[in-house]
Protein backbone atom coordinates (compact mmCIF):
# COMPACT_ATOMS: atom_id res chain seq x y z
CA HIS A 1 144.38 136.43 77.95
CA GLU A 2 144.37 133.39 79.89
CA PRO A 3 142.70 134.66 82.99
CA MET A 4 139.88 135.91 80.69
CA LYS A 5 139.15 132.68 79.20
CA ARG A 6 139.36 130.99 82.52
CA MET A 7 136.77 133.64 84.10
CA PHE A 8 134.36 133.09 80.25
CA LEU A 9 134.27 129.15 80.96
CA LYS A 10 133.39 129.83 85.17
CA LEU A 11 130.82 132.13 83.40
CA VAL A 12 129.42 129.36 81.01
CA LEU A 13 129.66 126.34 83.57
CA PHE A 14 127.58 129.01 86.17
CA CYS A 15 124.98 129.89 83.52
CA LEU A 16 124.98 126.07 82.39
CA CYS A 17 124.12 124.71 86.36
CA LEU A 18 121.01 126.98 86.53
CA TRP A 19 119.29 125.47 83.73
CA GLN A 20 117.52 122.54 83.83
CA GLU A 21 115.37 120.16 81.23
CA ILE A 22 113.23 117.95 82.75
CA SER A 23 111.17 115.02 81.15
CA ALA A 24 107.89 113.87 82.57
CA THR A 25 105.27 111.71 81.88
CA GLU A 26 101.35 113.32 81.36
CA GLY A 27 99.00 112.73 84.38
CA ASN A 28 102.00 111.74 86.36
CA SER A 29 103.57 114.36 89.31
CA VAL A 30 106.70 116.23 88.56
CA THR A 31 108.99 118.16 91.42
CA LEU A 32 110.43 120.98 90.26
CA ASN A 33 113.87 120.99 92.75
CA ILE A 34 116.17 123.90 93.97
CA ASN A 35 118.76 121.34 94.35
CA LEU A 36 120.40 124.39 96.91
CA THR A 37 121.41 124.17 100.37
CA GLU A 38 120.96 126.88 102.75
CA VAL A 39 117.54 128.08 101.51
CA SER A 40 115.86 128.09 104.88
CA ASP A 41 116.24 131.88 105.69
CA SER A 42 115.42 133.01 101.58
CA ASP A 43 112.41 134.13 99.97
CA ILE A 44 111.43 131.87 97.55
CA LEU A 45 109.69 132.86 93.92
CA TRP A 46 108.21 130.45 91.62
CA GLU A 47 106.97 131.54 88.20
CA CYS A 48 105.30 129.91 84.71
CA GLU A 49 107.33 132.18 82.20
CA THR A 50 105.07 130.80 79.56
CA GLU A 51 102.05 132.01 81.23
CA MET A 52 104.64 135.12 82.54
CA ALA A 53 102.87 134.35 86.10
CA LEU A 54 104.04 133.66 89.91
CA ILE A 55 102.34 130.37 90.81
CA ALA A 56 104.12 130.06 94.41
CA GLU A 57 106.35 132.04 96.68
CA ILE A 58 107.73 131.40 99.99
CA ILE A 59 108.36 135.38 102.21
CA ARG A 60 110.09 134.12 104.97
CA ALA A 61 110.01 137.70 107.39
CA ALA A 62 105.95 137.88 106.70
CA GLY A 63 105.65 134.57 107.22
CA ARG A 64 103.63 133.62 103.80
CA PHE A 65 103.78 130.30 102.03
CA SER A 66 101.59 130.52 98.94
CA ARG A 67 100.39 128.94 95.91
CA PHE A 68 98.39 130.59 92.91
CA ASP A 69 95.53 128.99 90.14
CA GLY A 70 97.23 130.87 86.89
CA PRO A 71 95.65 133.00 84.77
CA ASP A 72 94.07 130.45 83.17
CA GLY A 73 93.24 128.17 86.38
CA ARG A 74 95.83 124.91 84.98
CA PHE A 75 97.54 125.48 88.48
CA ARG A 76 94.21 125.05 90.96
CA ASP A 77 94.06 122.58 93.23
CA ARG A 78 97.72 120.53 91.69
CA LEU A 79 100.39 122.90 93.37
CA LYS A 80 101.68 121.47 96.51
CA LEU A 81 105.00 123.46 98.21
CA ASP A 82 107.58 122.69 100.05
CA ASN A 83 108.25 125.40 102.92
CA GLN A 84 111.29 124.44 104.18
CA THR A 85 113.24 123.21 100.29
CA GLY A 86 111.27 125.11 98.55
CA SER A 87 110.82 122.82 96.23
CA LEU A 88 107.77 122.72 94.50
CA THR A 89 105.56 120.28 92.84
CA ILE A 90 103.22 119.63 90.19
CA THR A 91 100.27 116.95 90.28
CA ASN A 92 98.25 115.61 88.25
CA THR A 93 99.99 117.11 85.30
CA THR A 94 98.66 117.96 81.81
CA ILE A 95 99.94 119.25 78.83
CA GLU A 96 99.55 122.52 79.51
CA HIS A 97 101.98 122.31 82.35
CA ALA A 98 105.14 121.90 79.65
CA GLY A 99 106.85 125.27 79.45
CA ARG A 100 109.59 127.01 80.93
CA TYR A 101 109.60 127.75 84.92
CA LYS A 102 111.79 130.54 86.80
CA LEU A 103 112.91 130.09 90.15
CA THR A 104 114.37 133.12 92.28
CA ILE A 105 115.93 133.16 95.80
CA THR A 106 116.91 135.98 97.81
CA GLY A 107 118.31 136.56 100.95
CA ARG A 108 122.61 136.43 102.08
CA LYS A 109 122.60 136.25 97.55
CA ARG A 110 120.72 136.24 95.18
CA VAL A 111 119.89 132.79 92.86
CA SER A 112 117.87 133.25 89.81
CA LYS A 113 117.40 129.44 87.92
CA LYS A 114 115.40 128.02 84.94
CA ILE A 115 113.98 124.90 84.26
CA ILE A 116 112.29 123.74 80.88
CA LEU A 117 109.67 121.08 81.87
CA MET A 118 108.69 118.52 78.52
CA PHE A 119 105.78 116.19 78.79
CA SER A 120 105.23 112.72 76.68
CA ALA A 121 102.51 111.43 76.86
CA ARG A 122 100.89 108.33 78.94
CA LEU A 123 101.75 105.30 77.27
CA PRO A 124 99.16 102.83 75.95
CA PHE A 125 98.53 99.41 77.30
CA PRO A 126 99.90 96.56 75.15
CA VAL A 127 97.24 94.06 73.86
CA ILE A 128 97.69 90.18 74.24
CA SER A 129 95.77 88.25 71.34
CA SER A 130 96.06 84.34 70.73
CA ASN A 131 96.29 83.00 67.04
CA SER A 132 93.81 80.00 67.58
CA SER A 133 95.08 78.81 63.68
CA GLN A 134 98.42 78.35 65.50
CA CYS A 135 96.97 76.90 69.03
CA SER A 136 97.79 72.76 69.49
CA SER A 137 96.35 70.80 72.47
CA SER A 138 99.39 71.58 73.93
CA SER A 139 100.36 74.73 73.31
CA CYS A 140 98.97 78.51 72.52
CA SER A 141 100.87 80.96 69.83
CA LEU A 142 100.80 84.50 71.22
CA VAL A 143 100.91 88.15 69.93
CA CYS A 144 101.36 91.36 72.20
CA SER A 145 101.12 94.48 69.82
CA VAL A 146 100.67 97.75 70.25
CA VAL A 147 99.63 101.06 67.65
CA ASN A 148 101.08 104.12 66.66
CA VAL A 149 103.45 104.61 68.70
CA GLY A 150 107.40 106.17 68.32
CA HIS A 151 110.70 105.76 69.96
CA MET A 152 109.23 102.96 72.60
CA THR A 153 110.65 99.55 73.62
CA LEU A 154 107.93 96.31 73.47
CA SER A 155 109.00 92.97 75.78
CA TRP A 156 108.27 89.75 76.52
CA TYR A 157 109.09 89.06 80.13
CA LYS A 158 108.73 84.94 81.80
CA GLY A 159 108.89 86.30 85.43
CA ASN A 160 111.63 88.96 86.13
CA SER A 161 113.50 87.61 83.15
CA LEU A 162 113.63 88.97 79.61
CA LEU A 163 113.01 86.88 76.62
CA SER A 164 112.61 88.86 73.77
CA SER A 165 111.89 92.44 72.38
CA ILE A 166 111.61 95.09 69.60
CA SER A 167 112.38 98.84 69.52
CA VAL A 168 111.72 101.37 67.30
CA SER A 169 112.92 105.08 67.23
CA ASP A 170 110.03 106.25 64.12
CA LEU A 171 106.67 107.94 64.82
CA SER A 172 103.10 106.14 64.54
CA ILE A 173 105.09 102.73 64.00
CA SER A 174 102.81 99.64 65.02
CA LEU A 175 104.74 96.96 66.57
CA SER A 176 104.06 93.25 67.69
CA LEU A 177 105.75 90.26 69.14
CA PRO A 178 105.23 86.75 69.06
CA LEU A 179 105.54 84.12 72.21
CA GLU A 180 104.83 80.85 72.22
CA VAL A 181 103.61 78.73 75.56
CA GLU A 182 102.87 75.50 76.61
CA TYR A 183 99.69 74.93 78.85
CA GLN A 184 101.75 72.95 81.62
CA ASP A 185 103.70 76.41 81.93
CA LYS A 186 103.07 77.41 85.13
CA ASN A 187 105.42 80.75 84.82
CA THR A 188 104.16 84.14 84.80
CA TYR A 189 104.28 86.28 81.74
CA SER A 190 103.89 89.81 81.17
CA CYS A 191 103.96 92.02 78.19
CA VAL A 192 105.92 95.70 78.74
CA LEU A 193 105.77 98.71 76.26
CA ASN A 194 108.66 101.32 77.56
CA ASN A 195 110.59 104.68 77.18
CA PRO A 196 113.25 106.29 78.57
CA ILE A 197 110.30 107.82 81.03
CA SER A 198 107.46 104.71 81.89
CA ASN A 199 106.15 102.03 81.08
CA GLN A 200 103.37 99.77 80.73
CA THR A 201 102.51 96.37 81.39
CA GLN A 202 99.98 93.64 80.59
CA HIS A 203 99.77 90.53 82.29
CA LEU A 204 99.39 86.93 80.56
CA ASP A 205 96.15 85.50 81.49
CA ILE A 206 96.57 81.95 79.22
CA THR A 207 92.55 80.64 80.43
CA GLN A 208 90.87 83.63 78.48
CA LEU A 209 92.94 83.73 75.36
CA CYS A 210 93.81 80.31 75.11
CA PRO A 211 90.43 77.98 75.05
CA GLY A 212 92.67 75.00 74.30
CA ILE A 213 94.63 74.69 77.87
CA PHE A 214 90.96 73.57 78.95
CA PHE A 215 91.20 70.62 76.27
CA TYR A 216 94.36 69.85 78.01
CA VAL A 217 93.40 69.77 81.45
CA LEU A 218 90.53 67.74 80.16
CA ILE A 219 92.84 65.16 78.45
CA ILE A 220 95.26 65.07 81.62
CA LEU A 221 92.16 64.14 83.62
CA ILE A 222 90.90 61.33 81.54
CA TRP A 223 94.64 59.87 81.79
CA LEU A 224 94.31 60.02 85.12
């Protein structure tokens, strides 16, 4: 039974290697890679199994390198086919491009590979606001916040250094993170919302959010 066990294990590993999951953010480009060498003399077919449609093909003997719009036109002007590697890039993606894709390579040997493409919505920009009731003549109290997010982390940075962060694993939760900045502080501050796929950054402009800074500057000028 040992040889059969080894054969079964090899078959399972082979099948797993030919399945791939890709996560991307809506609006960005995503590339479906072949990750195989020696395909320069092979024919390549890309299918969107969700739509049961051929979306790209490379037929070497006929010199045919084609891309197709799909039945409902969702791929129109969005596909880039690498004629050398056979990789397929979808640009300006939308949630409609999520689904199952199939790659078929025919040449000296036939290889089939399936890809599941998943999308997350584009992240919102965090909002920085000031709490004027807690601002003094020398410092300003700020809050960075986002609403209706899930599985995200909200962070304050001073330059490239992390100051504080808060994470949430639930869905549709509001996050807020406070920060107090001295008017005389010349460092750059930013608030970053991120998940494992992407991030959005909002930079702090203290002159717009904290009017008290002008009184601080006025006092300095008077003392001078």
